[in-house]
Amino acid sequence: MKPLLIVQIIISLFLIAVISIQSKDNSLGSAFGGGSFHTKQSGEKFLFLLTIVLAVIFILVSLINIIY
């Protein structure tokens, strides 16, 4: 296997785990922004930012994997 493919798989597993940890309310209305508005606590904010960072890294690794 290519090393970039292994890195991509590992990042995707971390991304799935972080997204799974974040989901509190499974209702359909909250999925489209209908939930209550509140400020993010420090742990929620960290997971939110970690999700963004992992998603960007995943996209970059995917693009690099396509090019090479």
PDB file of N, CA and C in Angstrom:
ATOM      1  N   MET A   1       0.837  -1.191   0.000  1.00  0.00           N
ATOM      2  CA  MET A   1       0.000   0.000   0.000  1.00  0.00           C
ATOM      3  C   MET A   1       0.875   1.246   0.000  1.00  0.00           C
ATOM      4  N   LYS A   2       0.323   2.275  -0.557  1.00  0.00           N
ATOM      5  CA  LYS A   2       1.024   3.550  -0.556  1.00  0.00           C
ATOM      6  C   LYS A   2       0.974   4.165   0.834  1.00  0.00           C
ATOM      7  N   PRO A   3       2.053   4.831   1.243  1.00  0.00           N
ATOM      8  CA  PRO A   3       2.044   5.486   2.563  1.00  0.00           C
ATOM      9  C   PRO A   3       0.973   6.580   2.681  1.00  0.00           C
ATOM     10  N   LEU A   4       0.726   7.305   1.602  1.00  0.00           N
ATOM     11  CA  LEU A   4      -0.306   8.357   1.657  1.00  0.00           C
ATOM     12  C   LEU A   4      -1.699   7.767   1.851  1.00  0.00           C
ATOM     13  N   LEU A   5      -1.931   6.592   1.288  1.00  0.00           N
ATOM     14  CA  LEU A   5      -3.225   5.951   1.466  1.00  0.00           C
ATOM     15  C   LEU A   5      -3.423   5.524   2.914  1.00  0.00           C
ATOM     16  N   ILE A   6      -2.379   5.042   3.542  1.00  0.00           N
ATOM     17  CA  ILE A   6      -2.450   4.665   4.954  1.00  0.00           C
ATOM     18  C   ILE A   6      -2.719   5.887   5.823  1.00  0.00           C
ATOM     19  N   VAL A   7      -2.040   6.998   5.526  1.00  0.00           N
ATOM     20  CA  VAL A   7      -2.265   8.250   6.266  1.00  0.00           C
ATOM     21  C   VAL A   7      -3.701   8.720   6.074  1.00  0.00           C
ATOM     22  N   GLN A   8      -4.215   8.601   4.858  1.00  0.00           N
ATOM     23  CA  GLN A   8      -5.582   9.023   4.573  1.00  0.00           C
ATOM     24  C   GLN A   8      -6.590   8.176   5.349  1.00  0.00           C
ATOM     25  N   ILE A   9      -6.354   6.895   5.439  1.00  0.00           N
ATOM     26  CA  ILE A   9      -7.252   6.018   6.188  1.00  0.00           C
ATOM     27  C   ILE A   9      -7.222   6.358   7.674  1.00  0.00           C
ATOM     28  N   ILE A  10      -6.042   6.602   8.220  1.00  0.00           N
ATOM     29  CA  ILE A  10      -5.919   6.950   9.637  1.00  0.00           C
ATOM     30  C   ILE A  10      -6.629   8.271   9.934  1.00  0.00           C
ATOM     31  N   ILE A  11      -6.430   9.265   9.073  1.00  0.00           N
ATOM     32  CA  ILE A  11      -7.094  10.559   9.273  1.00  0.00           C
ATOM     33  C   ILE A  11      -8.609  10.400   9.187  1.00  0.00           C
ATOM     34  N   SER A  12      -9.079   9.582   8.257  1.00  0.00           N
ATOM     35  CA  SER A  12     -10.521   9.393   8.133  1.00  0.00           C
ATOM     36  C   SER A  12     -11.104   8.721   9.375  1.00  0.00           C
ATOM     37  N   LEU A  13     -10.385   7.787   9.962  1.00  0.00           N
ATOM     38  CA  LEU A  13     -10.867   7.147  11.188  1.00  0.00           C
ATOM     39  C   LEU A  13     -10.926   8.146  12.346  1.00  0.00           C
ATOM     40  N   PHE A  14      -9.895   9.001  12.459  1.00  0.00           N
ATOM     41  CA  PHE A  14      -9.920  10.043  13.490  1.00  0.00           C
ATOM     42  C   PHE A  14     -11.078  11.011  13.253  1.00  0.00           C
ATOM     43  N   LEU A  15     -11.313  11.354  11.994  1.00  0.00           N
ATOM     44  CA  LEU A  15     -12.399  12.273  11.659  1.00  0.00           C
ATOM     45  C   LEU A  15     -13.761  11.672  12.014  1.00  0.00           C
ATOM     46  N   ILE A  16     -13.938  10.397  11.734  1.00  0.00           N
ATOM     47  CA  ILE A  16     -15.186   9.721  12.094  1.00  0.00           C
ATOM     48  C   ILE A  16     -15.368   9.715  13.608  1.00  0.00           C
ATOM     49  N   ALA A  17     -14.296   9.443  14.336  1.00  0.00           N
ATOM     50  CA  ALA A  17     -14.377   9.397  15.801  1.00  0.00           C
ATOM     51  C   ALA A  17     -14.725  10.764  16.382  1.00  0.00           C
ATOM     52  N   VAL A  18     -14.082  11.815  15.876  1.00  0.00           N
ATOM     53  CA  VAL A  18     -14.334  13.160  16.400  1.00  0.00           C
ATOM     54  C   VAL A  18     -15.757  13.605  16.092  1.00  0.00           C
ATOM     55  N   ILE A  19     -16.242  13.302  14.906  1.00  0.00           N
ATOM     56  CA  ILE A  19     -17.614  13.673  14.554  1.00  0.00           C
ATOM     57  C   ILE A  19     -18.611  12.885  15.401  1.00  0.00           C
ATOM     58  N   SER A  20     -18.322  11.620  15.659  1.00  0.00           N
ATOM     59  CA  SER A  20     -19.216  10.798  16.481  1.00  0.00           C
ATOM     60  C   SER A  20     -19.289  11.302  17.912  1.00  0.00           C
ATOM     61  N   ILE A  21     -18.185  11.787  18.438  1.00  0.00           N
ATOM     62  CA  ILE A  21     -18.165  12.316  19.799  1.00  0.00           C
ATOM     63  C   ILE A  21     -19.015  13.582  19.898  1.00  0.00           C
ATOM     64  N   GLN A  22     -19.031  14.386  18.838  1.00  0.00           N
ATOM     65  CA  GLN A  22     -19.733  15.669  18.874  1.00  0.00           C
ATOM     66  C   GLN A  22     -21.238  15.543  18.881  1.00  0.00           C
ATOM     67  N   SER A  23     -21.795  14.513  18.255  1.00  0.00           N
ATOM     68  CA  SER A  23     -23.248  14.459  18.100  1.00  0.00           C
ATOM     69  C   SER A  23     -23.932  14.214  19.434  1.00  0.00           C
ATOM     70  N   LYS A  24     -24.679  15.205  19.888  1.00  0.00           N
ATOM     71  CA  LYS A  24     -25.406  15.120  21.153  1.00  0.00           C
ATOM     72  C   LYS A  24     -26.871  14.801  20.900  1.00  0.00           C
ATOM     73  N   ASP A  25     -27.479  15.604  20.038  1.00  0.00           N
ATOM     74  CA  ASP A  25     -28.911  15.488  19.779  1.00  0.00           C
ATOM     75  C   ASP A  25     -29.096  14.910  18.384  1.00  0.00           C
ATOM     76  N   ASN A  26     -29.802  13.802  18.286  1.00  0.00           N
ATOM     77  CA  ASN A  26     -29.941  13.129  17.006  1.00  0.00           C
ATOM     78  C   ASN A  26     -31.224  13.486  16.266  1.00  0.00           C
ATOM     79  N   SER A  27     -31.898  14.531  16.678  1.00  0.00           N
ATOM     80  CA  SER A  27     -33.149  14.880  16.009  1.00  0.00           C
ATOM     81  C   SER A  27     -32.866  15.510  14.652  1.00  0.00           C
ATOM     82  N   LEU A  28     -33.829  15.397  13.758  1.00  0.00           N
ATOM     83  CA  LEU A  28     -33.669  15.904  12.403  1.00  0.00           C
ATOM     84  C   LEU A  28     -33.606  17.430  12.371  1.00  0.00           C
ATOM     85  N   GLY A  29     -34.324  18.071  13.240  1.00  0.00           N
ATOM     86  CA  GLY A  29     -34.322  19.532  13.263  1.00  0.00           C
ATOM     87  C   GLY A  29     -32.975  20.109  13.645  1.00  0.00           C
ATOM     88  N   SER A  30     -32.291  19.476  14.572  1.00  0.00           N
ATOM     89  CA  SER A  30     -30.982  19.987  14.973  1.00  0.00           C
ATOM     90  C   SER A  30     -29.932  19.730  13.907  1.00  0.00           C
ATOM     91  N   ALA A  31     -30.162  18.757  13.045  1.00  0.00           N
ATOM     92  CA  ALA A  31     -29.211  18.476  11.973  1.00  0.00           C
ATOM     93  C   ALA A  31     -29.170  19.615  10.958  1.00  0.00           C
ATOM     94  N   PHE A  32     -30.271  20.326  10.826  1.00  0.00           N
ATOM     95  CA  PHE A  32     -30.326  21.440   9.885  1.00  0.00           C
ATOM     96  C   PHE A  32     -30.281  22.798  10.577  1.00  0.00           C
ATOM     97  N   GLY A  33     -29.744  22.853  11.768  1.00  0.00           N
ATOM     98  CA  GLY A  33     -29.571  24.115  12.450  1.00  0.00           C
ATOM     99  C   GLY A  33     -30.760  24.554  13.265  1.00  0.00           C
ATOM    100  N   GLY A  34     -31.699  23.684  13.537  1.00  0.00           N
ATOM    101  CA  GLY A  34     -32.888  24.065  14.282  1.00  0.00           C
ATOM    102  C   GLY A  34     -32.750  23.903  15.775  1.00  0.00           C
ATOM    103  N   GLY A  35     -31.566  23.525  16.229  1.00  0.00           N
ATOM    104  CA  GLY A  35     -31.361  23.317  17.655  1.00  0.00           C
ATOM    105  C   GLY A  35     -31.256  24.621  18.405  1.00  0.00           C
ATOM    106  N   SER A  36     -31.117  24.549  19.696  1.00  0.00           N
ATOM    107  CA  SER A  36     -30.997  25.757  20.507  1.00  0.00           C
ATOM    108  C   SER A  36     -29.618  26.387  20.303  1.00  0.00           C
ATOM    109  N   PHE A  37     -29.597  27.687  20.366  1.00  0.00           N
ATOM    110  CA  PHE A  37     -28.343  28.403  20.186  1.00  0.00           C
ATOM    111  C   PHE A  37     -27.656  28.572  21.536  1.00  0.00           C
ATOM    112  N   HIS A  38     -26.396  28.225  21.595  1.00  0.00           N
ATOM    113  CA  HIS A  38     -25.617  28.425  22.800  1.00  0.00           C
ATOM    114  C   HIS A  38     -24.149  28.567  22.413  1.00  0.00           C
ATOM    115  N   THR A  39     -23.381  29.125  23.289  1.00  0.00           N
ATOM    116  CA  THR A  39     -21.958  29.262  23.017  1.00  0.00           C
ATOM    117  C   THR A  39     -21.275  27.935  23.294  1.00  0.00           C
ATOM    118  N   LYS A  40     -20.225  27.680  22.564  1.00  0.00           N
ATOM    119  CA  LYS A  40     -19.498  26.431  22.716  1.00  0.00           C
ATOM    120  C   LYS A  40     -18.607  26.486  23.953  1.00  0.00           C
ATOM    121  N   GLN A  41     -18.614  25.408  24.708  1.00  0.00           N
ATOM    122  CA  GLN A  41     -17.713  25.292  25.849  1.00  0.00           C
ATOM    123  C   GLN A  41     -16.320  24.961  25.328  1.00  0.00           C
ATOM    124  N   SER A  42     -15.336  24.928  26.187  1.00  0.00           N
ATOM    125  CA  SER A  42     -13.958  24.727  25.740  1.00  0.00           C
ATOM    126  C   SER A  42     -13.768  23.363  25.078  1.00  0.00           C
ATOM    127  N   GLY A  43     -14.381  22.307  25.624  1.00  0.00           N
ATOM    128  CA  GLY A  43     -14.247  20.984  25.027  1.00  0.00           C
ATOM    129  C   GLY A  43     -14.949  20.891  23.688  1.00  0.00           C
ATOM    130  N   GLU A  44     -16.141  21.482  23.601  1.00  0.00           N
ATOM    131  CA  GLU A  44     -16.881  21.489  22.343  1.00  0.00           C
ATOM    132  C   GLU A  44     -16.143  22.295  21.286  1.00  0.00           C
ATOM    133  N   LYS A  45     -15.571  23.408  21.690  1.00  0.00           N
ATOM    134  CA  LYS A  45     -14.839  24.255  20.755  1.00  0.00           C
ATOM    135  C   LYS A  45     -13.604  23.537  20.232  1.00  0.00           C
ATOM    136  N   PHE A  46     -12.902  22.819  21.128  1.00  0.00           N
ATOM    137  CA  PHE A  46     -11.724  22.068  20.720  1.00  0.00           C
ATOM    138  C   PHE A  46     -12.098  20.991  19.706  1.00  0.00           C
ATOM    139  N   LEU A  47     -13.174  20.249  19.958  1.00  0.00           N
ATOM    140  CA  LEU A  47     -13.607  19.207  19.024  1.00  0.00           C
ATOM    141  C   LEU A  47     -14.048  19.796  17.699  1.00  0.00           C
ATOM    142  N   PHE A  48     -14.709  20.962  17.749  1.00  0.00           N
ATOM    143  CA  PHE A  48     -15.146  21.638  16.533  1.00  0.00           C
ATOM    144  C   PHE A  48     -13.946  22.046  15.676  1.00  0.00           C
ATOM    145  N   LEU A  49     -12.954  22.654  16.309  1.00  0.00           N
ATOM    146  CA  LEU A  49     -11.759  23.074  15.575  1.00  0.00           C
ATOM    147  C   LEU A  49     -10.947  21.877  15.091  1.00  0.00           C
ATOM    148  N   LEU A  50     -10.895  20.815  15.906  1.00  0.00           N
ATOM    149  CA  LEU A  50     -10.187  19.598  15.505  1.00  0.00           C
ATOM    150  C   LEU A  50     -10.852  18.966  14.282  1.00  0.00           C
ATOM    151  N   THR A  51     -12.173  19.028  14.220  1.00  0.00           N
ATOM    152  CA  THR A  51     -12.895  18.504  13.061  1.00  0.00           C
ATOM    153  C   THR A  51     -12.525  19.277  11.801  1.00  0.00           C
ATOM    154  N   ILE A  52     -12.455  20.584  11.915  1.00  0.00           N
ATOM    155  CA  ILE A  52     -12.099  21.412  10.759  1.00  0.00           C
ATOM    156  C   ILE A  52     -10.679  21.112  10.308  1.00  0.00           C
ATOM    157  N   VAL A  53      -9.751  21.027  11.251  1.00  0.00           N
ATOM    158  CA  VAL A  53      -8.350  20.758  10.913  1.00  0.00           C
ATOM    159  C   VAL A  53      -8.210  19.385  10.260  1.00  0.00           C
ATOM    160  N   LEU A  54      -8.850  18.370  10.837  1.00  0.00           N
ATOM    161  CA  LEU A  54      -8.767  17.027  10.266  1.00  0.00           C
ATOM    162  C   LEU A  54      -9.389  16.968   8.873  1.00  0.00           C
ATOM    163  N   ALA A  55     -10.487  17.680   8.669  1.00  0.00           N
ATOM    164  CA  ALA A  55     -11.127  17.692   7.348  1.00  0.00           C
ATOM    165  C   ALA A  55     -10.224  18.342   6.302  1.00  0.00           C
ATOM    166  N   VAL A  56      -9.581  19.446   6.670  1.00  0.00           N
ATOM    167  CA  VAL A  56      -8.676  20.122   5.734  1.00  0.00           C
ATOM    168  C   VAL A  56      -7.477  19.237   5.421  1.00  0.00           C
ATOM    169  N   ILE A  57      -6.907  18.602   6.437  1.00  0.00           N
ATOM    170  CA  ILE A  57      -5.779  17.694   6.215  1.00  0.00           C
ATOM    171  C   ILE A  57      -6.204  16.518   5.340  1.00  0.00           C
ATOM    172  N   PHE A  58      -7.400  15.988   5.588  1.00  0.00           N
ATOM    173  CA  PHE A  58      -7.902  14.873   4.780  1.00  0.00           C
ATOM    174  C   PHE A  58      -8.041  15.273   3.317  1.00  0.00           C
ATOM    175  N   ILE A  59      -8.579  16.464   3.064  1.00  0.00           N
ATOM    176  CA  ILE A  59      -8.739  16.933   1.685  1.00  0.00           C
ATOM    177  C   ILE A  59      -7.381  17.133   1.019  1.00  0.00           C
ATOM    178  N   LEU A  60      -6.427  17.723   1.751  1.00  0.00           N
ATOM    179  CA  LEU A  60      -5.098  17.936   1.177  1.00  0.00           C
ATOM    180  C   LEU A  60      -4.402  16.611   0.865  1.00  0.00           C
ATOM    181  N   VAL A  61      -4.494  15.653   1.770  1.00  0.00           N
ATOM    182  CA  VAL A  61      -3.882  14.352   1.520  1.00  0.00           C
ATOM    183  C   VAL A  61      -4.561  13.657   0.343  1.00  0.00           C
ATOM    184  N   SER A  62      -5.874  13.807   0.226  1.00  0.00           N
ATOM    185  CA  SER A  62      -6.587  13.222  -0.904  1.00  0.00           C
ATOM    186  C   SER A  62      -6.134  13.829  -2.226  1.00  0.00           C
ATOM    187  N   LEU A  63      -5.984  15.144  -2.253  1.00  0.00           N
ATOM    188  CA  LEU A  63      -5.518  15.805  -3.483  1.00  0.00           C
ATOM    189  C   LEU A  63      -4.091  15.401  -3.822  1.00  0.00           C
ATOM    190  N   ILE A  64      -3.238  15.315  -2.827  1.00  0.00           N
ATOM    191  CA  ILE A  64      -1.855  14.876  -3.066  1.00  0.00           C
ATOM    192  C   ILE A  64      -1.837  13.437  -3.560  1.00  0.00           C
ATOM    193  N   ASN A  65      -2.712  12.612  -2.989  1.00  0.00           N
ATOM    194  CA  ASN A  65      -2.793  11.211  -3.397  1.00  0.00           C
ATOM    195  C   ASN A  65      -3.258  11.078  -4.858  1.00  0.00           C
ATOM    196  N   ILE A  66      -4.141  11.982  -5.288  1.00  0.00           N
ATOM    197  CA  ILE A  66      -4.609  11.944  -6.685  1.00  0.00           C
ATOM    198  C   ILE A  66      -3.495  12.380  -7.633  1.00  0.00           C
ATOM    199  N   ILE A  67      -2.756  13.403  -7.239  1.00  0.00           N
ATOM    200  CA  ILE A  67      -1.706  13.940  -8.110  1.00  0.00           C
ATOM    201  C   ILE A  67      -0.571  12.930  -8.297  1.00  0.00           C
ATOM    202  N   TYR A  68      -0.191  12.268  -7.201  1.00  0.00           N
ATOM    203  CA  TYR A  68       0.919  11.312  -7.290  1.00  0.00           C
ATOM    204  C   TYR A  68       0.375   9.960  -7.437  1.00  0.00           C
TER     205      TYR A  68
END
